[in-house]
Amino acid sequence: VVRQIFSCLKYIFDIMLILFFLIAVFALMAYFLFSGNNKIYFDDLDKSFVSMLITLTTANHPDVFMESYLSSPAAPFFFMVYMFVTFYYFSNVLLAVVFAKFKEAEKKKCKELFLHRRSALRKAYDILKKRKEGEDREDGEEKEDREDGEDREDGEEREDGEEREDREDREERGDREDGEEREEKKK
C-alpha cells in the first residue's frame, strides 16, 4: 500500500500544485475585492491566502465570507464559484487521480503477481518433469537390472541344472562303476 501511495505522489503533487495556484488566484481576487470591507480576513495577501484555504477546508467557512456578503453583492457569486471550482471540482479530481493511480498500481501489482505465479508454476512443472524423466531413467535402469538379474537367475538355474545333470551323470557313472566292480567281484 505504501508503495502505491509513493507511486501516486507525483500525480498528487501535480493536482495539488494546480489547486494551490487556483487558491492563490482567488486569494488575489478576494484581496482586491474585499480588502476594504473585510479587514480581518482579507487585509493583505497572506491573510487572504490563508482565508481562502480555510474556506476550501470548510473549517471556518461562514466566518470568512459573512462580512463580505453583507458589504458586496458580488461576494455570494465569487464564493460560490470559488467553492465549486476548488472544493467540489478539484478536490474530486484529486481524489479521482489518487484512486486511478492506486488502481493502476494495484493492477500492475496483480499482473506482476500473476506473471510471477505463472513463472513459478512453469519452473515447478520443469522440476517435476526433470524429476519424472530421472525416475523413468532409474526405472529403465532398474528394469535393465531386473532383466539382467533374471538372466543371471536363469543362468544360475541353468548352472544349477547343469550341476544337477553333472551330478546325476557322475552318480550314474559311479553306479555303473560300482555295478562293474560288483560284477567283477562276483566273477
Protein backbone atom coordinates (compact mmCIF):
# COMPACT_ATOMS: atom_id res chain seq x y z
CA VAL A 1 0.00 0.00 0.00
CA VAL A 2 2.81 2.40 0.88
CA ARG A 3 4.50 1.66 -2.45
CA GLN A 4 1.27 2.51 -4.31
CA ILE A 5 0.95 5.79 -2.39
CA PHE A 6 4.53 6.72 -3.26
CA SER A 7 3.90 5.89 -6.91
CA CYS A 8 0.84 8.21 -6.84
CA LEU A 9 2.67 11.13 -5.20
CA LYS A 10 3.83 12.63 -8.49
CA TYR A 11 0.24 12.93 -9.72
CA ILE A 12 -1.00 14.14 -6.34
CA PHE A 13 1.62 16.90 -6.36
CA ASP A 14 0.55 17.94 -9.87
CA ILE A 15 -3.09 18.31 -8.80
CA MET A 16 -2.11 19.99 -5.52
CA LEU A 17 0.03 22.47 -7.44
CA ILE A 18 -2.91 23.38 -9.67
CA LEU A 19 -5.17 23.61 -6.61
CA PHE A 20 -2.78 25.93 -4.77
CA PHE A 21 -2.42 28.03 -7.91
CA LEU A 22 -6.21 28.42 -8.03
CA ILE A 23 -6.32 29.28 -4.33
CA ALA A 24 -3.64 31.93 -4.92
CA VAL A 25 -5.59 33.38 -7.88
CA PHE A 26 -8.83 33.50 -5.88
CA ALA A 27 -6.95 34.93 -2.86
CA LEU A 28 -5.55 37.71 -5.07
CA MET A 29 -9.04 38.43 -6.44
CA ALA A 30 -10.53 38.38 -2.89
CA TYR A 31 -7.81 40.76 -1.68
CA PHE A 32 -8.69 43.27 -4.38
CA LEU A 33 -12.47 42.81 -3.98
CA PHE A 34 -12.85 42.59 -0.19
CA SER A 35 -9.78 44.20 1.43
CA GLY A 36 -11.70 47.41 2.19
CA ASN A 37 -14.80 45.64 3.55
CA ASN A 38 -13.36 42.64 5.43
CA LYS A 39 -10.11 43.67 7.11
CA ILE A 40 -9.97 40.59 9.40
CA TYR A 41 -9.62 38.01 6.61
CA PHE A 42 -8.55 39.97 3.51
CA ASP A 43 -6.32 42.77 4.85
CA ASP A 44 -3.18 41.61 2.99
CA LEU A 45 -2.26 38.83 0.54
CA ASP A 46 -1.02 36.44 3.25
CA LYS A 47 -4.26 36.70 5.26
CA SER A 48 -6.24 36.46 2.03
CA PHE A 49 -4.49 33.21 1.01
CA VAL A 50 -4.96 31.66 4.47
CA SER A 51 -8.62 32.73 4.49
CA MET A 52 -9.25 31.15 1.10
CA LEU A 53 -7.50 27.97 2.28
CA ILE A 54 -9.75 27.92 5.36
CA THR A 55 -12.76 28.41 3.09
CA LEU A 56 -11.62 25.46 0.98
CA THR A 57 -11.43 23.19 4.04
CA THR A 58 -14.83 24.50 5.25
CA ALA A 59 -13.40 24.63 8.79
CA ASN A 60 -14.43 28.23 9.47
CA HIS A 61 -16.23 28.83 6.22
CA PRO A 62 -19.10 31.19 7.18
CA ASP A 63 -16.91 33.47 9.28
CA VAL A 64 -14.63 34.17 6.32
CA PHE A 65 -17.28 35.38 3.89
CA MET A 66 -20.15 36.73 6.09
CA GLU A 67 -18.81 40.29 6.26
CA SER A 68 -18.06 40.19 2.51
CA TYR A 69 -21.66 39.00 1.82
CA LEU A 70 -23.07 41.94 3.73
CA SER A 71 -20.89 44.56 2.05
CA SER A 72 -20.73 43.40 -1.58
CA PRO A 73 -23.45 42.00 -3.87
CA ALA A 74 -20.75 40.12 -5.89
CA ALA A 75 -19.47 38.23 -2.83
CA PRO A 76 -22.01 35.35 -2.95
CA PHE A 77 -21.25 34.74 -6.61
CA PHE A 78 -17.48 34.91 -6.00
CA PHE A 79 -17.54 32.44 -3.09
CA MET A 80 -19.92 30.05 -4.92
CA VAL A 81 -17.59 29.95 -7.94
CA TYR A 82 -14.61 29.53 -5.63
CA MET A 83 -16.24 26.66 -3.71
CA PHE A 84 -17.42 24.98 -6.89
CA VAL A 85 -14.03 25.14 -8.60
CA THR A 86 -11.82 24.29 -5.64
CA PHE A 87 -13.89 22.28 -3.17
CA TYR A 88 -16.30 20.42 -5.42
CA TYR A 89 -14.28 20.11 -8.60
CA PHE A 90 -10.56 19.95 -7.79
CA SER A 91 -10.98 18.01 -4.56
CA ASN A 92 -12.84 15.36 -6.52
CA VAL A 93 -10.27 15.47 -9.32
CA LEU A 94 -7.56 14.95 -6.68
CA LEU A 95 -9.47 12.00 -5.26
CA ALA A 96 -10.10 10.58 -8.75
CA VAL A 97 -6.42 10.85 -9.68
CA VAL A 98 -5.35 9.16 -6.44
CA PHE A 99 -7.92 6.41 -6.95
CA ALA A 100 -6.98 5.89 -10.62
CA LYS A 101 -3.26 5.73 -9.89
CA PHE A 102 -3.82 3.48 -6.90
CA LYS A 103 -5.99 1.20 -9.02
CA GLU A 104 -3.35 1.20 -11.78
CA ALA A 105 -0.65 0.35 -9.25
CA GLU A 106 -2.79 -2.46 -7.83
CA LYS A 107 -3.46 -3.79 -11.33
CA LYS A 108 0.26 -3.71 -12.08
CA LYS A 109 1.00 -5.45 -8.78
CA CYS A 110 -1.66 -8.07 -9.53
CA LYS A 111 -0.26 -8.59 -13.03
CA GLU A 112 3.27 -8.98 -11.66
CA LEU A 113 1.94 -11.42 -9.07
CA PHE A 114 0.15 -13.39 -11.78
CA LEU A 115 3.24 -13.42 -14.00
CA HIS A 116 5.39 -14.43 -11.04
CA ARG A 117 2.90 -17.16 -10.19
CA ARG A 118 2.88 -18.30 -13.80
CA SER A 119 6.69 -18.43 -13.98
CA ALA A 120 6.80 -20.22 -10.62
CA LEU A 121 4.32 -22.81 -11.89
CA ARG A 122 6.35 -23.21 -15.08
CA LYS A 123 9.52 -23.73 -13.04
CA ALA A 124 7.74 -26.20 -10.78
CA TYR A 125 6.48 -28.06 -13.84
CA ASP A 126 10.00 -28.17 -15.29
CA ILE A 127 11.35 -29.51 -12.00
CA LEU A 128 8.65 -32.18 -11.85
CA LYS A 129 9.27 -33.04 -15.48
CA LYS A 130 13.00 -33.45 -14.85
CA ARG A 131 12.28 -35.49 -11.76
CA LYS A 132 9.88 -37.70 -13.74
CA GLU A 133 12.45 -38.14 -16.53
CA GLY A 134 15.00 -39.08 -13.87
CA GLU A 135 12.60 -41.60 -12.38
CA ASP A 136 11.89 -43.00 -15.83
CA ARG A 137 15.63 -43.38 -16.39
CA GLU A 138 16.01 -45.01 -12.99
CA ASP A 139 13.02 -47.24 -13.73
CA GLY A 140 14.65 -48.14 -17.07
CA GLU A 141 17.92 -48.91 -15.30
CA GLU A 142 16.08 -50.93 -12.65
CA LYS A 143 14.21 -52.76 -15.39
CA GLU A 144 17.50 -53.49 -17.14
CA ASP A 145 18.95 -54.56 -13.80
CA ARG A 146 15.93 -56.77 -13.23
CA GLU A 147 16.25 -58.22 -16.71
CA ASP A 148 19.96 -58.78 -16.08
CA GLY A 149 19.07 -60.32 -12.74
CA GLU A 150 16.53 -62.56 -14.40
CA ASP A 151 19.19 -63.55 -16.91
CA ARG A 152 21.54 -64.26 -14.06
CA GLU A 153 18.87 -66.17 -12.20
CA ASP A 154 18.13 -68.14 -15.35
CA GLY A 155 21.85 -68.66 -15.69
CA GLU A 156 22.06 -69.71 -12.11
CA GLU A 157 19.17 -72.08 -12.70
CA ARG A 158 21.00 -73.31 -15.77
CA GLU A 159 24.11 -73.73 -13.71
CA ASP A 160 22.12 -75.50 -11.04
CA GLY A 161 20.53 -77.62 -13.72
CA GLU A 162 23.93 -78.35 -15.30
CA GLU A 163 25.39 -79.17 -11.92
CA ARG A 164 22.45 -81.43 -11.24
CA GLU A 165 22.92 -83.15 -14.59
CA ASP A 166 26.65 -83.47 -13.93
CA ARG A 167 25.97 -84.92 -10.53
CA GLU A 168 23.42 -87.32 -11.95
CA ASP A 169 25.93 -88.33 -14.66
CA ARG A 170 28.57 -88.89 -12.01
CA GLU A 171 26.17 -90.86 -9.93
CA GLU A 172 25.22 -92.96 -12.90
CA ARG A 173 28.87 -93.49 -13.74
CA GLY A 174 29.52 -94.21 -10.14
CA ASP A 175 26.64 -96.62 -10.09
CA ARG A 176 27.94 -98.20 -13.25
CA GLU A 177 31.41 -98.34 -11.87
CA ASP A 178 30.05 -99.73 -8.64
CA GLY A 179 27.99 -102.18 -10.64
CA GLU A 180 31.03 -103.19 -12.71
CA GLU A 181 33.11 -103.62 -9.57
CA ARG A 182 30.39 -105.82 -8.08
CA GLU A 183 30.21 -107.88 -11.20
CA GLU A 184 33.96 -108.27 -11.18
CA LYS A 185 33.83 -109.32 -7.59
CA LYS A 186 31.15 -111.85 -8.36
CA LYS A 187 33.32 -113.31 -11.07
